[in-house]
Structures are given as structure tokens and as C-alpha cells.
Amino acid sequence: MTNSETPTDPEQLRAEIEQTRAELGETVQELAAKTDVKARAKQAIGDTRARVGQKVSGLKHQAGQATGAVAERASTAKRQLAESDLPAPLRRPLPLAAIGAAVAAALVVIVVVTRRRSS
């Protein structure tokens, strides 16, 4: 502001001073907020927690949907196996798989024992 722009009316001058003080106060508050590392760190933590919470909520929803879909598929597969013309042992694949795993484990044990004896 130059001298030619300075208001001559005392009321205008007071109003201009008040406006300048308000702007200066806002600027000081903004600068103080930028230098307050602890408050900024807390704000960042809060923001991160909120984002993580939203993602967890979304993932829980997706997991619930996936669980429902898997349960439905398993139920359908079980019903189809029960209605199929396969022999009983093949309609119950879990015992068949357990027997296969036991045979494979026995073969591994036999191979390991024979190799140790021969060396």
C-alpha cells in the first residue's frame, strides 16, 4: 500500500486494520499447524486407521460372499455326487483321498528306509 492508497477516513482505516489482523491470524494458525509435527502425525494415523478400517470392512464383506458361494458350490457338488451313478467309495472322495495319502506316505517311508540301509 502506498501513501496515496491509504484511507483517510478513520473508520475505513480501522476496518482495513481489522481485516489485516484477521488474515494475519489465519496465516499464523496455518503455519503453527504445519509446524506441529505431533498433531500432524496423529492426524496421519487417524486417516490411515480410517482407510484400513474401510478396507477391512470391504474384505470382510467379500469374504462373507465368497464363503457363501463356496458353501453353495459344495452343497451342489455333494447333491450331484449323491445323485450320480458312481459307486459308493467314489461318491465319498475324502476317505479315498485319505487312503491315497496313507499309501503315498507308506511308499515314501519304504524308500527312505531302503536307501538308508543301502548306504
Protein backbone atom coordinates (compact mmCIF):
# COMPACT_ATOMS: atom_id res chain seq x y z
CA MET A 1 0.00 0.00 0.00
CA THR A 2 1.31 3.41 -0.87
CA ASN A 3 0.51 6.68 0.83
CA SER A 4 -1.92 7.61 -1.95
CA GLU A 5 -3.90 4.41 -1.28
CA THR A 6 -4.10 4.87 2.48
CA PRO A 7 -7.66 5.65 3.51
CA THR A 8 -8.15 8.99 5.17
CA ASP A 9 -11.38 8.07 6.92
CA PRO A 10 -10.63 6.64 10.40
CA GLU A 11 -13.46 4.07 10.13
CA GLN A 12 -12.11 2.74 6.82
CA LEU A 13 -8.66 2.60 8.33
CA ARG A 14 -9.91 0.62 11.36
CA ALA A 15 -11.83 -1.79 9.13
CA GLU A 16 -8.75 -2.35 7.00
CA ILE A 17 -6.62 -2.96 10.09
CA GLU A 18 -9.14 -5.49 11.43
CA GLN A 19 -9.21 -7.32 8.11
CA THR A 20 -5.41 -7.43 8.00
CA ARG A 21 -5.29 -8.73 11.59
CA ALA A 22 -7.81 -11.47 10.77
CA GLU A 23 -5.83 -12.55 7.69
CA LEU A 24 -2.59 -12.48 9.67
CA GLY A 25 -4.18 -14.57 12.45
CA GLU A 26 -5.32 -17.18 9.94
CA THR A 27 -1.84 -17.29 8.39
CA VAL A 28 -0.22 -17.72 11.81
CA GLN A 29 -2.63 -20.56 12.65
CA GLU A 30 -1.89 -22.30 9.35
CA LEU A 31 1.86 -22.01 9.93
CA ALA A 32 1.54 -23.25 13.51
CA ALA A 33 -0.48 -26.25 12.31
CA LYS A 34 2.22 -27.09 9.75
CA THR A 35 4.96 -27.00 12.38
CA ASP A 36 3.03 -29.11 14.93
CA VAL A 37 4.57 -32.46 14.00
CA LYS A 38 2.84 -34.37 16.79
CA ALA A 39 -0.63 -33.23 15.72
CA ARG A 40 0.14 -33.93 12.07
CA ALA A 41 1.37 -37.43 12.95
CA LYS A 42 -1.80 -38.10 14.96
CA GLN A 43 -3.89 -36.87 12.03
CA ALA A 44 -1.99 -39.15 9.63
CA ILE A 45 -2.50 -42.10 11.97
CA GLY A 46 -6.20 -41.35 12.21
CA ASP A 47 -6.51 -41.10 8.43
CA THR A 48 -4.63 -44.37 7.97
CA ARG A 49 -6.80 -46.13 10.57
CA ALA A 50 -9.91 -44.96 8.78
CA ARG A 51 -8.65 -46.21 5.41
CA VAL A 52 -7.58 -49.55 6.88
CA GLY A 53 -10.93 -49.90 8.63
CA GLN A 54 -12.75 -49.33 5.36
CA LYS A 55 -10.57 -51.88 3.56
CA VAL A 56 -11.05 -54.45 6.34
CA SER A 57 -14.78 -53.91 6.20
CA GLY A 58 -14.75 -54.41 2.44
CA LEU A 59 -12.62 -57.54 2.74
CA LYS A 60 -14.94 -58.98 5.39
CA HIS A 61 -17.86 -58.40 3.07
CA GLN A 62 -16.02 -60.07 0.18
CA ALA A 63 -15.01 -62.99 2.41
CA GLY A 64 -18.61 -63.44 3.50
CA GLN A 65 -19.76 -63.50 -0.10
CA ALA A 66 -17.01 -65.95 -1.07
CA THR A 67 -17.85 -68.19 1.87
CA GLY A 68 -21.47 -68.26 0.82
CA ALA A 69 -20.53 -69.05 -2.77
CA VAL A 70 -18.18 -71.86 -1.71
CA ALA A 71 -20.79 -73.35 0.63
CA GLU A 72 -23.34 -73.24 -2.16
CA ARG A 73 -20.96 -74.92 -4.61
CA ALA A 74 -20.05 -77.59 -2.06
CA SER A 75 -23.71 -78.26 -1.38
CA THR A 76 -24.42 -78.53 -5.10
CA ALA A 77 -21.43 -80.85 -5.64
CA LYS A 78 -22.48 -83.03 -2.71
CA ARG A 79 -26.01 -83.28 -4.05
CA GLN A 80 -24.73 -84.12 -7.55
CA LEU A 81 -22.43 -86.82 -6.17
CA ALA A 82 -25.26 -88.32 -4.15
CA GLU A 83 -27.47 -88.42 -7.23
CA SER A 84 -24.77 -89.81 -9.54
CA ASP A 85 -24.35 -93.42 -10.64
CA LEU A 86 -20.82 -93.69 -9.21
CA PRO A 87 -20.00 -96.48 -6.77
CA ALA A 88 -20.18 -95.52 -3.08
CA PRO A 89 -16.38 -95.20 -2.48
CA LEU A 90 -16.07 -92.72 -5.32
CA ARG A 91 -19.03 -90.68 -4.10
CA ARG A 92 -17.16 -90.03 -0.86
CA PRO A 93 -13.82 -88.62 -2.07
CA LEU A 94 -12.44 -87.73 1.37
CA PRO A 95 -11.88 -91.34 2.58
CA LEU A 96 -10.50 -92.21 -0.85
CA ALA A 97 -8.07 -89.28 -0.67
CA ALA A 98 -7.03 -90.25 2.87
CA ILE A 99 -6.30 -93.80 1.73
CA GLY A 100 -4.26 -92.47 -1.20
CA ALA A 101 -2.28 -90.18 1.11
CA ALA A 102 -1.60 -93.06 3.51
CA VAL A 103 -0.34 -95.26 0.65
CA ALA A 104 1.90 -92.45 -0.63
CA ALA A 105 3.30 -91.87 2.88
CA ALA A 106 3.98 -95.61 3.27
CA LEU A 107 5.83 -95.66 -0.06
CA VAL A 108 7.95 -92.68 0.99
CA VAL A 109 8.84 -94.38 4.29
CA ILE A 110 9.79 -97.59 2.49
CA VAL A 111 12.00 -95.73 0.00
CA VAL A 112 13.73 -93.74 2.76
CA VAL A 113 14.36 -96.84 4.90
CA THR A 114 15.75 -98.88 1.99
CA ARG A 115 18.08 -96.04 0.94
CA ARG A 116 19.41 -95.64 4.47
CA ARG A 117 20.10 -99.36 4.77
CA SER A 118 21.91 -99.49 1.47
CA SER A 119 24.19 -96.54 2.26
